[in-house]
């Protein structure tokens, strides 16, 4: 049976220190927002937590576009 060589996956782009910081902030926010903590939050606290995570998600989507869109 002939073997088919598949090309290697594309290399991941290297992140700048600022981009790495953005990823780390998002990781920290996600780690800080756990189910037990959410269960004890008041409605205003939940809204703030959701808005913070929404902002981080939006920022990481922008980061993906920055690093994966051809110049």
PDB file of N, CA and C in Angstrom:
ATOM      1  N   UNK A   1       0.837  -1.178   0.000  1.00  0.00           N
ATOM      2  CA  UNK A   1       0.000   0.000   0.000  1.00  0.00           C
ATOM      3  C   UNK A   1       0.889   1.251   0.000  1.00  0.00           C
ATOM      4  N   UNK A   2       0.642   2.199  -0.879  1.00  0.00           N
ATOM      5  CA  UNK A   2       1.488   3.404  -0.912  1.00  0.00           C
ATOM      6  C   UNK A   2       1.212   4.280   0.309  1.00  0.00           C
ATOM      7  N   UNK A   3       2.288   4.883   0.794  1.00  0.00           N
ATOM      8  CA  UNK A   3       2.145   5.802   1.922  1.00  0.00           C
ATOM      9  C   UNK A   3       1.941   7.209   1.399  1.00  0.00           C
ATOM     10  N   UNK A   4       1.044   7.921   2.031  1.00  0.00           N
ATOM     11  CA  UNK A   4       0.778   9.312   1.662  1.00  0.00           C
ATOM     12  C   UNK A   4       1.411  10.200   2.710  1.00  0.00           C
ATOM     13  N   UNK A   5       2.328  11.000   2.274  1.00  0.00           N
ATOM     14  CA  UNK A   5       2.958  11.941   3.203  1.00  0.00           C
ATOM     15  C   UNK A   5       2.040  13.136   3.386  1.00  0.00           C
ATOM     16  N   UNK A   6       1.703  13.382   4.622  1.00  0.00           N
ATOM     17  CA  UNK A   6       0.881  14.558   4.908  1.00  0.00           C
ATOM     18  C   UNK A   6       1.811  15.675   5.341  1.00  0.00           C
ATOM     19  N   UNK A   7       1.528  16.872   4.891  1.00  0.00           N
ATOM     20  CA  UNK A   7       2.393  17.987   5.287  1.00  0.00           C
ATOM     21  C   UNK A   7       2.253  18.247   6.777  1.00  0.00           C
ATOM     22  N   UNK A   8       3.319  18.710   7.408  1.00  0.00           N
ATOM     23  CA  UNK A   8       3.224  19.022   8.837  1.00  0.00           C
ATOM     24  C   UNK A   8       2.279  20.191   9.051  1.00  0.00           C
ATOM     25  N   UNK A   9       1.683  20.259  10.234  1.00  0.00           N
ATOM     26  CA  UNK A   9       0.798  21.402  10.504  1.00  0.00           C
ATOM     27  C   UNK A   9       1.603  22.696  10.463  1.00  0.00           C
ATOM     28  N   UNK A  10       0.943  23.791  10.117  1.00  0.00           N
ATOM     29  CA  UNK A  10       1.669  25.073  10.067  1.00  0.00           C
ATOM     30  C   UNK A  10       2.211  25.438  11.445  1.00  0.00           C
ATOM     31  N   UNK A  11       3.345  26.065  11.443  1.00  0.00           N
ATOM     32  CA  UNK A  11       3.956  26.493  12.700  1.00  0.00           C
ATOM     33  C   UNK A  11       3.087  27.546  13.367  1.00  0.00           C
ATOM     34  N   UNK A  12       2.996  27.461  14.678  1.00  0.00           N
ATOM     35  CA  UNK A  12       2.245  28.485  15.405  1.00  0.00           C
ATOM     36  C   UNK A  12       3.071  29.757  15.432  1.00  0.00           C
ATOM     37  N   UNK A  13       2.427  30.885  15.233  1.00  0.00           N
ATOM     38  CA  UNK A  13       3.187  32.141  15.266  1.00  0.00           C
ATOM     39  C   UNK A  13       3.684  32.433  16.680  1.00  0.00           C
ATOM     40  N   UNK A  14       4.865  32.987  16.749  1.00  0.00           N
ATOM     41  CA  UNK A  14       5.408  33.388  18.050  1.00  0.00           C
ATOM     42  C   UNK A  14       4.660  34.628  18.527  1.00  0.00           C
ATOM     43  N   UNK A  15       4.328  34.649  19.797  1.00  0.00           N
ATOM     44  CA  UNK A  15       3.621  35.799  20.358  1.00  0.00           C
ATOM     45  C   UNK A  15       4.622  36.804  20.907  1.00  0.00           C
ATOM     46  N   UNK A  16       4.277  38.057  20.767  1.00  0.00           N
ATOM     47  CA  UNK A  16       5.086  39.110  21.372  1.00  0.00           C
ATOM     48  C   UNK A  16       4.855  39.079  22.879  1.00  0.00           C
ATOM     49  N   UNK A  17       5.701  39.722  23.660  1.00  0.00           N
ATOM     50  CA  UNK A  17       5.456  39.780  25.114  1.00  0.00           C
ATOM     51  C   UNK A  17       4.082  40.377  25.453  1.00  0.00           C
ATOM     52  N   UNK A  18       3.673  41.380  24.717  1.00  0.00           N
ATOM     53  CA  UNK A  18       2.358  41.989  24.981  1.00  0.00           C
ATOM     54  C   UNK A  18       1.231  40.999  24.682  1.00  0.00           C
ATOM     55  N   UNK A  19       1.349  40.254  23.593  1.00  0.00           N
ATOM     56  CA  UNK A  19       0.329  39.264  23.250  1.00  0.00           C
ATOM     57  C   UNK A  19       0.302  38.137  24.282  1.00  0.00           C
ATOM     58  N   UNK A  20       1.470  37.696  24.726  1.00  0.00           N
ATOM     59  CA  UNK A  20       1.534  36.660  25.762  1.00  0.00           C
ATOM     60  C   UNK A  20       0.885  37.146  27.049  1.00  0.00           C
ATOM     61  N   UNK A  21       1.061  38.413  27.365  1.00  0.00           N
ATOM     62  CA  UNK A  21       0.418  38.996  28.541  1.00  0.00           C
ATOM     63  C   UNK A  21      -1.092  38.970  28.429  1.00  0.00           C
ATOM     64  N   UNK A  22      -1.597  39.244  27.251  1.00  0.00           N
ATOM     65  CA  UNK A  22      -3.049  39.206  27.040  1.00  0.00           C
ATOM     66  C   UNK A  22      -3.595  37.799  27.286  1.00  0.00           C
ATOM     67  N   UNK A  23      -2.880  36.795  26.807  1.00  0.00           N
ATOM     68  CA  UNK A  23      -3.298  35.408  27.017  1.00  0.00           C
ATOM     69  C   UNK A  23      -3.252  35.070  28.508  1.00  0.00           C
ATOM     70  N   UNK A  24      -2.204  35.487  29.176  1.00  0.00           N
ATOM     71  CA  UNK A  24      -2.070  35.196  30.609  1.00  0.00           C
ATOM     72  C   UNK A  24      -3.170  35.875  31.423  1.00  0.00           C
ATOM     73  N   UNK A  25      -3.518  37.108  31.106  1.00  0.00           N
ATOM     74  CA  UNK A  25      -4.617  37.787  31.800  1.00  0.00           C
ATOM     75  C   UNK A  25      -5.925  37.011  31.607  1.00  0.00           C
ATOM     76  N   UNK A  26      -6.168  36.535  30.397  1.00  0.00           N
ATOM     77  CA  UNK A  26      -7.390  35.768  30.132  1.00  0.00           C
ATOM     78  C   UNK A  26      -7.389  34.472  30.937  1.00  0.00           C
ATOM     79  N   UNK A  27      -6.235  33.806  30.987  1.00  0.00           N
ATOM     80  CA  UNK A  27      -6.135  32.566  31.778  1.00  0.00           C
ATOM     81  C   UNK A  27      -6.424  32.837  33.255  1.00  0.00           C
ATOM     82  N   UNK A  28      -5.860  33.910  33.763  1.00  0.00           N
ATOM     83  CA  UNK A  28      -6.068  34.254  35.174  1.00  0.00           C
ATOM     84  C   UNK A  28      -7.540  34.557  35.456  1.00  0.00           C
ATOM     85  N   UNK A  29      -8.161  35.324  34.581  1.00  0.00           N
ATOM     86  CA  UNK A  29      -9.582  35.632  34.776  1.00  0.00           C
ATOM     87  C   UNK A  29     -10.419  34.359  34.747  1.00  0.00           C
ATOM     88  N   UNK A  30     -10.098  33.451  33.852  1.00  0.00           N
ATOM     89  CA  UNK A  30     -10.841  32.203  33.760  1.00  0.00           C
ATOM     90  C   UNK A  30     -10.623  31.354  35.012  1.00  0.00           C
ATOM     91  N   UNK A  31      -9.404  31.290  35.489  1.00  0.00           N
ATOM     92  CA  UNK A  31      -9.089  30.536  36.707  1.00  0.00           C
ATOM     93  C   UNK A  31      -9.800  31.136  37.919  1.00  0.00           C
ATOM     94  N   UNK A  32      -9.862  32.458  37.964  1.00  0.00           N
ATOM     95  CA  UNK A  32     -10.494  33.143  39.097  1.00  0.00           C
ATOM     96  C   UNK A  32     -12.014  33.021  39.093  1.00  0.00           C
ATOM     97  N   UNK A  33     -12.589  32.607  37.987  1.00  0.00           N
ATOM     98  CA  UNK A  33     -14.042  32.524  37.866  1.00  0.00           C
ATOM     99  C   UNK A  33     -14.443  31.052  37.827  1.00  0.00           C
ATOM    100  N   UNK A  34     -14.575  30.457  38.998  1.00  0.00           N
ATOM    101  CA  UNK A  34     -14.941  29.041  39.134  1.00  0.00           C
ATOM    102  C   UNK A  34     -16.379  28.909  39.613  1.00  0.00           C
ATOM    103  N   UNK A  35     -16.997  27.778  39.348  1.00  0.00           N
ATOM    104  CA  UNK A  35     -18.395  27.543  39.713  1.00  0.00           C
ATOM    105  C   UNK A  35     -18.708  27.824  41.179  1.00  0.00           C
ATOM    106  N   UNK A  36     -17.901  27.333  42.127  1.00  0.00           N
ATOM    107  CA  UNK A  36     -18.241  27.639  43.531  1.00  0.00           C
ATOM    108  C   UNK A  36     -18.268  29.138  43.820  1.00  0.00           C
ATOM    109  N   UNK A  37     -17.352  29.866  43.190  1.00  0.00           N
ATOM    110  CA  UNK A  37     -17.336  31.312  43.385  1.00  0.00           C
ATOM    111  C   UNK A  37     -18.564  31.952  42.760  1.00  0.00           C
ATOM    112  N   UNK A  38     -18.932  31.496  41.579  1.00  0.00           N
ATOM    113  CA  UNK A  38     -20.094  32.058  40.887  1.00  0.00           C
ATOM    114  C   UNK A  38     -21.379  31.824  41.683  1.00  0.00           C
ATOM    115  N   UNK A  39     -21.468  30.688  42.346  1.00  0.00           N
ATOM    116  CA  UNK A  39     -22.675  30.363  43.112  1.00  0.00           C
ATOM    117  C   UNK A  39     -22.882  31.319  44.278  1.00  0.00           C
ATOM    118  N   UNK A  40     -21.810  31.910  44.764  1.00  0.00           N
ATOM    119  CA  UNK A  40     -21.918  32.822  45.909  1.00  0.00           C
ATOM    120  C   UNK A  40     -22.033  34.290  45.502  1.00  0.00           C
ATOM    121  N   UNK A  41     -21.927  34.576  44.234  1.00  0.00           N
ATOM    122  CA  UNK A  41     -21.937  35.971  43.781  1.00  0.00           C
ATOM    123  C   UNK A  41     -23.347  36.531  43.710  1.00  0.00           C
ATOM    124  N   UNK A  42     -23.439  37.821  43.987  1.00  0.00           N
ATOM    125  CA  UNK A  42     -24.711  38.524  43.814  1.00  0.00           C
ATOM    126  C   UNK A  42     -24.903  38.803  42.324  1.00  0.00           C
ATOM    127  N   UNK A  43     -26.101  39.223  41.964  1.00  0.00           N
ATOM    128  CA  UNK A  43     -26.374  39.513  40.549  1.00  0.00           C
ATOM    129  C   UNK A  43     -25.417  40.556  39.966  1.00  0.00           C
ATOM    130  N   UNK A  44     -25.180  41.683  40.664  1.00  0.00           N
ATOM    131  CA  UNK A  44     -24.244  42.658  40.102  1.00  0.00           C
ATOM    132  C   UNK A  44     -22.829  42.088  39.931  1.00  0.00           C
ATOM    133  N   UNK A  45     -22.388  41.246  40.889  1.00  0.00           N
ATOM    134  CA  UNK A  45     -21.065  40.630  40.767  1.00  0.00           C
ATOM    135  C   UNK A  45     -21.003  39.675  39.577  1.00  0.00           C
ATOM    136  N   UNK A  46     -22.081  38.922  39.355  1.00  0.00           N
ATOM    137  CA  UNK A  46     -22.137  38.021  38.209  1.00  0.00           C
ATOM    138  C   UNK A  46     -22.071  38.791  36.894  1.00  0.00           C
ATOM    139  N   UNK A  47     -22.799  39.889  36.825  1.00  0.00           N
ATOM    140  CA  UNK A  47     -22.789  40.707  35.611  1.00  0.00           C
ATOM    141  C   UNK A  47     -21.385  41.222  35.340  1.00  0.00           C
ATOM    142  N   UNK A  48     -20.702  41.691  36.378  1.00  0.00           N
ATOM    143  CA  UNK A  48     -19.328  42.177  36.203  1.00  0.00           C
ATOM    144  C   UNK A  48     -18.386  41.056  35.762  1.00  0.00           C
ATOM    145  N   UNK A  49     -18.543  39.869  36.356  1.00  0.00           N
ATOM    146  CA  UNK A  49     -17.697  38.735  35.982  1.00  0.00           C
ATOM    147  C   UNK A  49     -17.929  38.339  34.531  1.00  0.00           C
ATOM    148  N   UNK A  50     -19.183  38.306  34.127  1.00  0.00           N
ATOM    149  CA  UNK A  50     -19.503  37.953  32.740  1.00  0.00           C
ATOM    150  C   UNK A  50     -18.952  38.998  31.780  1.00  0.00           C
ATOM    151  N   UNK A  51     -19.090  40.242  32.121  1.00  0.00           N
ATOM    152  CA  UNK A  51     -18.566  41.308  31.258  1.00  0.00           C
ATOM    153  C   UNK A  51     -17.047  41.247  31.153  1.00  0.00           C
ATOM    154  N   UNK A  52     -16.375  40.930  32.263  1.00  0.00           N
ATOM    155  CA  UNK A  52     -14.916  40.804  32.234  1.00  0.00           C
ATOM    156  C   UNK A  52     -14.514  39.645  31.319  1.00  0.00           C
ATOM    157  N   UNK A  53     -15.187  38.502  31.449  1.00  0.00           N
ATOM    158  CA  UNK A  53     -14.868  37.348  30.600  1.00  0.00           C
ATOM    159  C   UNK A  53     -15.219  37.612  29.146  1.00  0.00           C
ATOM    160  N   UNK A  54     -16.325  38.320  28.922  1.00  0.00           N
ATOM    161  CA  UNK A  54     -16.706  38.669  27.554  1.00  0.00           C
ATOM    162  C   UNK A  54     -15.630  39.540  26.914  1.00  0.00           C
ATOM    163  N   UNK A  55     -15.129  40.494  27.682  1.00  0.00           N
ATOM    164  CA  UNK A  55     -14.062  41.360  27.176  1.00  0.00           C
ATOM    165  C   UNK A  55     -12.796  40.585  26.870  1.00  0.00           C
ATOM    166  N   UNK A  56     -12.447  39.638  27.744  1.00  0.00           N
ATOM    167  CA  UNK A  56     -11.254  38.814  27.504  1.00  0.00           C
ATOM    168  C   UNK A  56     -11.433  37.950  26.258  1.00  0.00           C
ATOM    169  N   UNK A  57     -12.626  37.368  26.091  1.00  0.00           N
ATOM    170  CA  UNK A  57     -12.892  36.559  24.907  1.00  0.00           C
ATOM    171  C   UNK A  57     -12.765  37.409  23.648  1.00  0.00           C
ATOM    172  N   UNK A  58     -13.332  38.583  23.671  1.00  0.00           N
ATOM    173  CA  UNK A  58     -13.234  39.490  22.531  1.00  0.00           C
ATOM    174  C   UNK A  58     -11.774  39.827  22.228  1.00  0.00           C
ATOM    175  N   UNK A  59     -10.984  40.066  23.274  1.00  0.00           N
ATOM    176  CA  UNK A  59      -9.572  40.379  23.099  1.00  0.00           C
ATOM    177  C   UNK A  59      -8.811  39.201  22.502  1.00  0.00           C
ATOM    178  N   UNK A  60      -9.109  37.976  22.959  1.00  0.00           N
ATOM    179  CA  UNK A  60      -8.404  36.814  22.417  1.00  0.00           C
ATOM    180  C   UNK A  60      -8.819  36.510  20.980  1.00  0.00           C
ATOM    181  N   UNK A  61     -10.059  36.777  20.634  1.00  0.00           N
ATOM    182  CA  UNK A  61     -10.470  36.639  19.233  1.00  0.00           C
ATOM    183  C   UNK A  61      -9.708  37.637  18.374  1.00  0.00           C
ATOM    184  N   UNK A  62      -9.558  38.854  18.861  1.00  0.00           N
ATOM    185  CA  UNK A  62      -8.761  39.855  18.126  1.00  0.00           C
ATOM    186  C   UNK A  62      -7.313  39.400  18.012  1.00  0.00           C
ATOM    187  N   UNK A  63      -6.773  38.789  19.061  1.00  0.00           N
ATOM    188  CA  UNK A  63      -5.400  38.290  19.034  1.00  0.00           C
ATOM    189  C   UNK A  63      -5.242  37.201  17.983  1.00  0.00           C
ATOM    190  N   UNK A  64      -6.209  36.325  17.869  1.00  0.00           N
ATOM    191  CA  UNK A  64      -6.161  35.279  16.836  1.00  0.00           C
ATOM    192  C   UNK A  64      -6.137  35.918  15.457  1.00  0.00           C
ATOM    193  N   UNK A  65      -6.953  36.932  15.246  1.00  0.00           N
ATOM    194  CA  UNK A  65      -6.941  37.618  13.948  1.00  0.00           C
ATOM    195  C   UNK A  65      -5.596  38.296  13.696  1.00  0.00           C
ATOM    196  N   UNK A  66      -5.014  38.881  14.738  1.00  0.00           N
ATOM    197  CA  UNK A  66      -3.700  39.528  14.586  1.00  0.00           C
ATOM    198  C   UNK A  66      -2.627  38.535  14.183  1.00  0.00           C
ATOM    199  N   UNK A  67      -2.659  37.367  14.770  1.00  0.00           N
ATOM    200  CA  UNK A  67      -1.573  36.407  14.558  1.00  0.00           C
ATOM    201  C   UNK A  67      -1.806  35.440  13.405  1.00  0.00           C
ATOM    202  N   UNK A  68      -3.041  35.324  12.933  1.00  0.00           N
ATOM    203  CA  UNK A  68      -3.329  34.340  11.889  1.00  0.00           C
ATOM    204  C   UNK A  68      -3.854  34.943  10.594  1.00  0.00           C
ATOM    205  N   UNK A  69      -3.898  36.234  10.501  1.00  0.00           N
ATOM    206  CA  UNK A  69      -4.334  36.886   9.272  1.00  0.00           C
ATOM    207  C   UNK A  69      -3.111  37.315   8.491  1.00  0.00           C
ATOM    208  N   UNK A  70      -3.111  36.984   7.214  1.00  0.00           N
ATOM    209  CA  UNK A  70      -1.972  37.353   6.377  1.00  0.00           C
ATOM    210  C   UNK A  70      -1.847  38.879   6.307  1.00  0.00           C
ATOM    211  N   UNK A  71      -0.612  39.370   6.346  1.00  0.00           N
ATOM    212  CA  UNK A  71      -0.400  40.829   6.292  1.00  0.00           C
ATOM    213  C   UNK A  71      -0.794  41.432   4.964  1.00  0.00           C
TER     214      UNK A  71
END
